[in-house]
N, C-alpha and C. Protein backbone atom coordinates (compact mmCIF):
# COMPACT_ATOMS: atom_id res chain seq x y z
N MET A 1 177.82 45.25 185.81
CA MET A 1 176.62 45.99 186.05
C MET A 1 175.60 45.07 186.69
N LYS A 2 174.85 45.36 187.71
CA LYS A 2 173.88 44.60 188.13
C LYS A 2 172.64 45.24 187.70
N ILE A 3 171.90 44.22 187.09
CA ILE A 3 170.47 44.72 186.51
C ILE A 3 169.45 43.81 187.55
N ILE A 4 168.35 44.47 187.88
CA ILE A 4 167.29 43.73 188.47
C ILE A 4 166.19 43.94 187.64
N ALA A 5 165.59 42.58 186.99
CA ALA A 5 164.35 42.75 186.20
C ALA A 5 163.17 42.49 187.11
N ILE A 6 161.90 43.21 186.91
CA ILE A 6 160.88 43.00 187.85
C ILE A 6 159.56 42.86 186.79
N GLY A 7 159.12 41.66 186.97
CA GLY A 7 158.15 41.32 185.97
C GLY A 7 156.42 41.56 186.41
N ASP A 8 155.51 41.83 185.92
CA ASP A 8 154.13 41.45 186.00
C ASP A 8 153.80 41.89 187.54
N THR A 9 153.99 42.84 187.89
CA THR A 9 153.57 43.08 189.32
C THR A 9 152.21 42.89 189.55
N HIS A 10 151.37 43.00 188.72
CA HIS A 10 149.99 43.32 188.55
C HIS A 10 149.20 43.68 189.96
N GLY A 11 149.78 44.76 190.58
CA GLY A 11 149.42 45.73 191.49
C GLY A 11 149.97 45.00 192.92
N ASP A 12 150.85 44.08 192.84
CA ASP A 12 151.79 43.45 194.07
C ASP A 12 152.83 44.52 194.70
N PRO A 13 152.82 44.87 195.72
CA PRO A 13 153.80 45.88 196.11
C PRO A 13 155.18 44.97 196.29
N LEU A 14 155.32 43.73 196.33
CA LEU A 14 156.37 42.93 196.33
C LEU A 14 157.61 43.49 195.96
N TRP A 15 157.50 44.42 194.65
CA TRP A 15 158.81 44.76 194.00
C TRP A 15 159.17 46.15 195.19
N LYS A 16 158.87 46.57 196.22
CA LYS A 16 159.38 47.39 197.02
C LYS A 16 160.20 46.52 197.81
N SER A 17 160.19 45.50 198.24
CA SER A 17 161.22 44.74 199.20
C SER A 17 162.39 44.42 198.31
N ILE A 18 161.96 43.96 196.97
CA ILE A 18 162.96 43.61 196.05
C ILE A 18 164.14 44.66 196.04
N VAL A 19 163.70 45.91 195.65
CA VAL A 19 164.45 47.24 195.42
C VAL A 19 165.37 47.51 196.91
N ASN A 20 164.37 47.20 198.15
CA ASN A 20 165.20 47.33 199.24
C ASN A 20 166.38 46.46 199.60
N VAL A 21 165.90 45.19 199.03
CA VAL A 21 167.39 44.13 199.14
C VAL A 21 168.44 44.53 198.17
N GLU A 22 167.94 44.93 197.05
CA GLU A 22 169.04 45.16 195.92
C GLU A 22 169.18 46.73 195.75
N LYS A 23 169.59 47.47 196.71
CA LYS A 23 169.78 48.87 196.80
C LYS A 23 171.21 49.14 195.92
N ASP A 24 172.18 48.07 195.63
CA ASP A 24 173.33 48.39 194.92
C ASP A 24 173.11 48.32 193.62
N ALA A 25 171.81 47.94 193.16
CA ALA A 25 171.67 47.73 191.67
C ALA A 25 171.92 48.79 190.68
N ASP A 26 172.63 48.46 189.42
CA ASP A 26 172.68 49.70 188.62
C ASP A 26 171.41 50.08 188.18
N LEU A 27 170.39 49.08 187.93
CA LEU A 27 169.26 49.46 186.75
C LEU A 27 168.21 48.46 187.35
N PHE A 28 166.88 49.09 187.34
CA PHE A 28 165.90 48.27 187.61
C PHE A 28 164.57 48.45 186.27
N VAL A 29 164.51 47.04 185.77
CA VAL A 29 163.70 47.31 184.67
C VAL A 29 162.50 46.53 185.01
N PHE A 30 161.22 47.37 184.87
CA PHE A 30 160.01 46.91 185.35
C PHE A 30 159.43 46.22 183.81
N ILE A 31 159.25 45.07 183.81
CA ILE A 31 158.63 44.33 182.62
C ILE A 31 157.15 44.25 182.57
N GLY A 32 156.68 45.44 182.48
CA GLY A 32 155.05 45.79 182.51
C GLY A 32 154.04 45.03 183.12
N ASP A 33 152.84 44.84 182.53
CA ASP A 33 151.84 44.29 183.38
C ASP A 33 151.65 44.68 184.77
N TYR A 34 151.19 46.08 184.92
CA TYR A 34 151.12 46.56 186.30
C TYR A 34 149.81 46.42 187.02
N PHE A 35 148.96 45.95 186.06
CA PHE A 35 147.46 45.79 186.22
C PHE A 35 147.04 44.49 185.64
N ASP A 36 145.79 44.43 185.93
CA ASP A 36 145.05 43.29 185.62
C ASP A 36 145.18 42.25 186.77
N SER A 37 144.69 42.31 187.84
CA SER A 37 144.88 41.47 188.96
C SER A 37 143.70 41.01 189.39
N PHE A 38 143.72 39.77 190.02
CA PHE A 38 142.06 39.25 190.70
C PHE A 38 142.45 39.35 192.24
N LEU A 39 144.12 39.62 192.66
CA LEU A 39 144.21 39.46 194.07
C LEU A 39 144.00 41.04 194.52
N TYR A 40 144.34 42.09 194.05
CA TYR A 40 144.40 43.42 194.19
C TYR A 40 143.46 44.17 193.79
N SER A 41 142.84 45.03 194.42
CA SER A 41 141.58 45.93 193.91
C SER A 41 142.11 46.72 192.90
N LEU A 42 141.21 47.46 191.92
CA LEU A 42 141.70 48.37 191.27
C LEU A 42 142.54 49.63 192.19
N GLU A 43 141.76 49.88 192.92
CA GLU A 43 142.36 51.30 193.70
C GLU A 43 143.75 50.88 194.11
N GLN A 44 144.31 49.51 194.58
CA GLN A 44 145.57 49.01 195.25
C GLN A 44 146.44 49.23 193.93
N GLN A 45 146.02 48.56 192.87
CA GLN A 45 146.91 48.41 191.78
C GLN A 45 146.89 50.12 191.10
N ILE A 46 146.10 50.86 191.05
CA ILE A 46 146.53 52.31 190.72
C ILE A 46 147.62 52.87 191.81
N ASN A 47 147.20 52.62 193.05
CA ASN A 47 148.26 52.92 194.15
C ASN A 47 149.92 52.43 193.98
N ASN A 48 149.61 51.27 193.61
CA ASN A 48 151.12 50.40 193.41
C ASN A 48 151.71 51.16 191.94
N PHE A 49 150.70 51.43 191.15
CA PHE A 49 151.56 51.91 189.84
C PHE A 49 152.10 53.44 190.38
N LYS A 50 151.25 54.21 190.71
CA LYS A 50 151.72 55.38 191.38
C LYS A 50 153.00 55.53 191.96
N ASP A 51 153.43 54.25 192.97
CA ASP A 51 154.41 54.44 193.67
C ASP A 51 155.67 53.76 192.60
N ILE A 52 155.32 53.11 191.87
CA ILE A 52 156.37 52.86 190.68
C ILE A 52 156.62 54.10 189.90
N ILE A 53 155.65 54.76 189.44
CA ILE A 53 155.88 55.93 188.61
C ILE A 53 156.79 56.89 189.51
N GLN A 54 156.83 56.79 190.91
CA GLN A 54 157.23 57.74 191.85
C GLN A 54 158.96 57.23 191.82
N PHE A 55 158.87 56.15 191.98
CA PHE A 55 160.26 55.32 192.12
C PHE A 55 161.02 55.89 190.81
N LYS A 56 160.39 55.77 189.61
CA LYS A 56 161.12 56.18 188.19
C LYS A 56 161.70 57.54 188.32
N LYS A 57 160.69 58.46 188.92
CA LYS A 57 160.74 59.76 188.92
C LYS A 57 162.16 60.30 189.98
N ASP A 58 162.23 59.43 190.79
CA ASP A 58 163.03 59.51 191.87
C ASP A 58 164.54 59.05 191.60
N ASN A 59 164.65 58.15 190.50
CA ASN A 59 165.64 57.35 190.17
C ASN A 59 165.71 57.37 188.50
N MET A 60 165.64 58.57 187.92
CA MET A 60 165.51 58.69 186.43
C MET A 60 166.35 57.64 185.45
N ASN A 61 167.71 57.62 185.93
CA ASN A 61 168.88 57.00 185.33
C ASN A 61 168.79 55.73 185.64
N LYS A 62 168.06 55.12 186.49
CA LYS A 62 168.17 53.61 187.30
C LYS A 62 167.05 52.95 187.08
N VAL A 63 165.99 53.40 186.30
CA VAL A 63 164.82 52.50 186.17
C VAL A 63 164.52 52.65 184.79
N ILE A 64 163.76 51.61 184.56
CA ILE A 64 163.14 51.46 182.87
C ILE A 64 161.83 51.02 182.96
N LEU A 65 161.01 51.44 182.32
CA LEU A 65 159.44 50.77 182.57
C LEU A 65 159.32 50.53 181.17
N LEU A 66 158.61 49.09 181.17
CA LEU A 66 158.32 48.68 179.82
C LEU A 66 156.72 48.36 179.97
N VAL A 67 156.38 48.37 178.57
CA VAL A 67 154.89 47.73 178.32
C VAL A 67 154.74 46.43 178.32
N GLY A 68 153.74 45.83 179.11
CA GLY A 68 153.60 44.50 179.35
C GLY A 68 152.71 43.93 178.24
N ASN A 69 152.86 42.55 178.20
CA ASN A 69 151.92 41.84 177.19
C ASN A 69 150.54 42.22 176.97
N HIS A 70 149.87 42.22 178.30
CA HIS A 70 148.55 42.46 178.74
C HIS A 70 148.05 43.56 178.05
N TYR A 71 148.69 44.36 177.61
CA TYR A 71 148.29 45.74 177.03
C TYR A 71 148.13 45.79 175.54
N TYR A 72 148.76 44.61 174.91
CA TYR A 72 148.84 44.77 173.35
C TYR A 72 147.34 44.38 172.88
N MET A 73 146.68 43.72 173.74
CA MET A 73 144.92 43.43 173.10
C MET A 73 144.28 44.62 173.18
N CYS A 74 144.64 45.78 173.99
CA CYS A 74 143.86 47.01 174.23
C CYS A 74 143.86 47.69 173.07
C-alpha cells in the first residue's frame, strides 16, 4: 500500500503537484495546519482549503484529513 503524507499546507497549493505525481497512491493523509500563513493571503488559504475539501469529496476512500497542532491553542 502506497501512502502519501502531506503536512502543513498553510495555504500552499503545492499539494496538488504531489497528488498529480503520486496518482497511483492508495491513500493521501493531510496532516493538518491548512491555515496560519504569512506567505498566502487569507483568501488564498481559504480557496486552497476548499480545494482540499473537494479533493476529499472526490476521493472519499483515499483521503484522510487530520487536525493540525496549530488549532489546539484555539
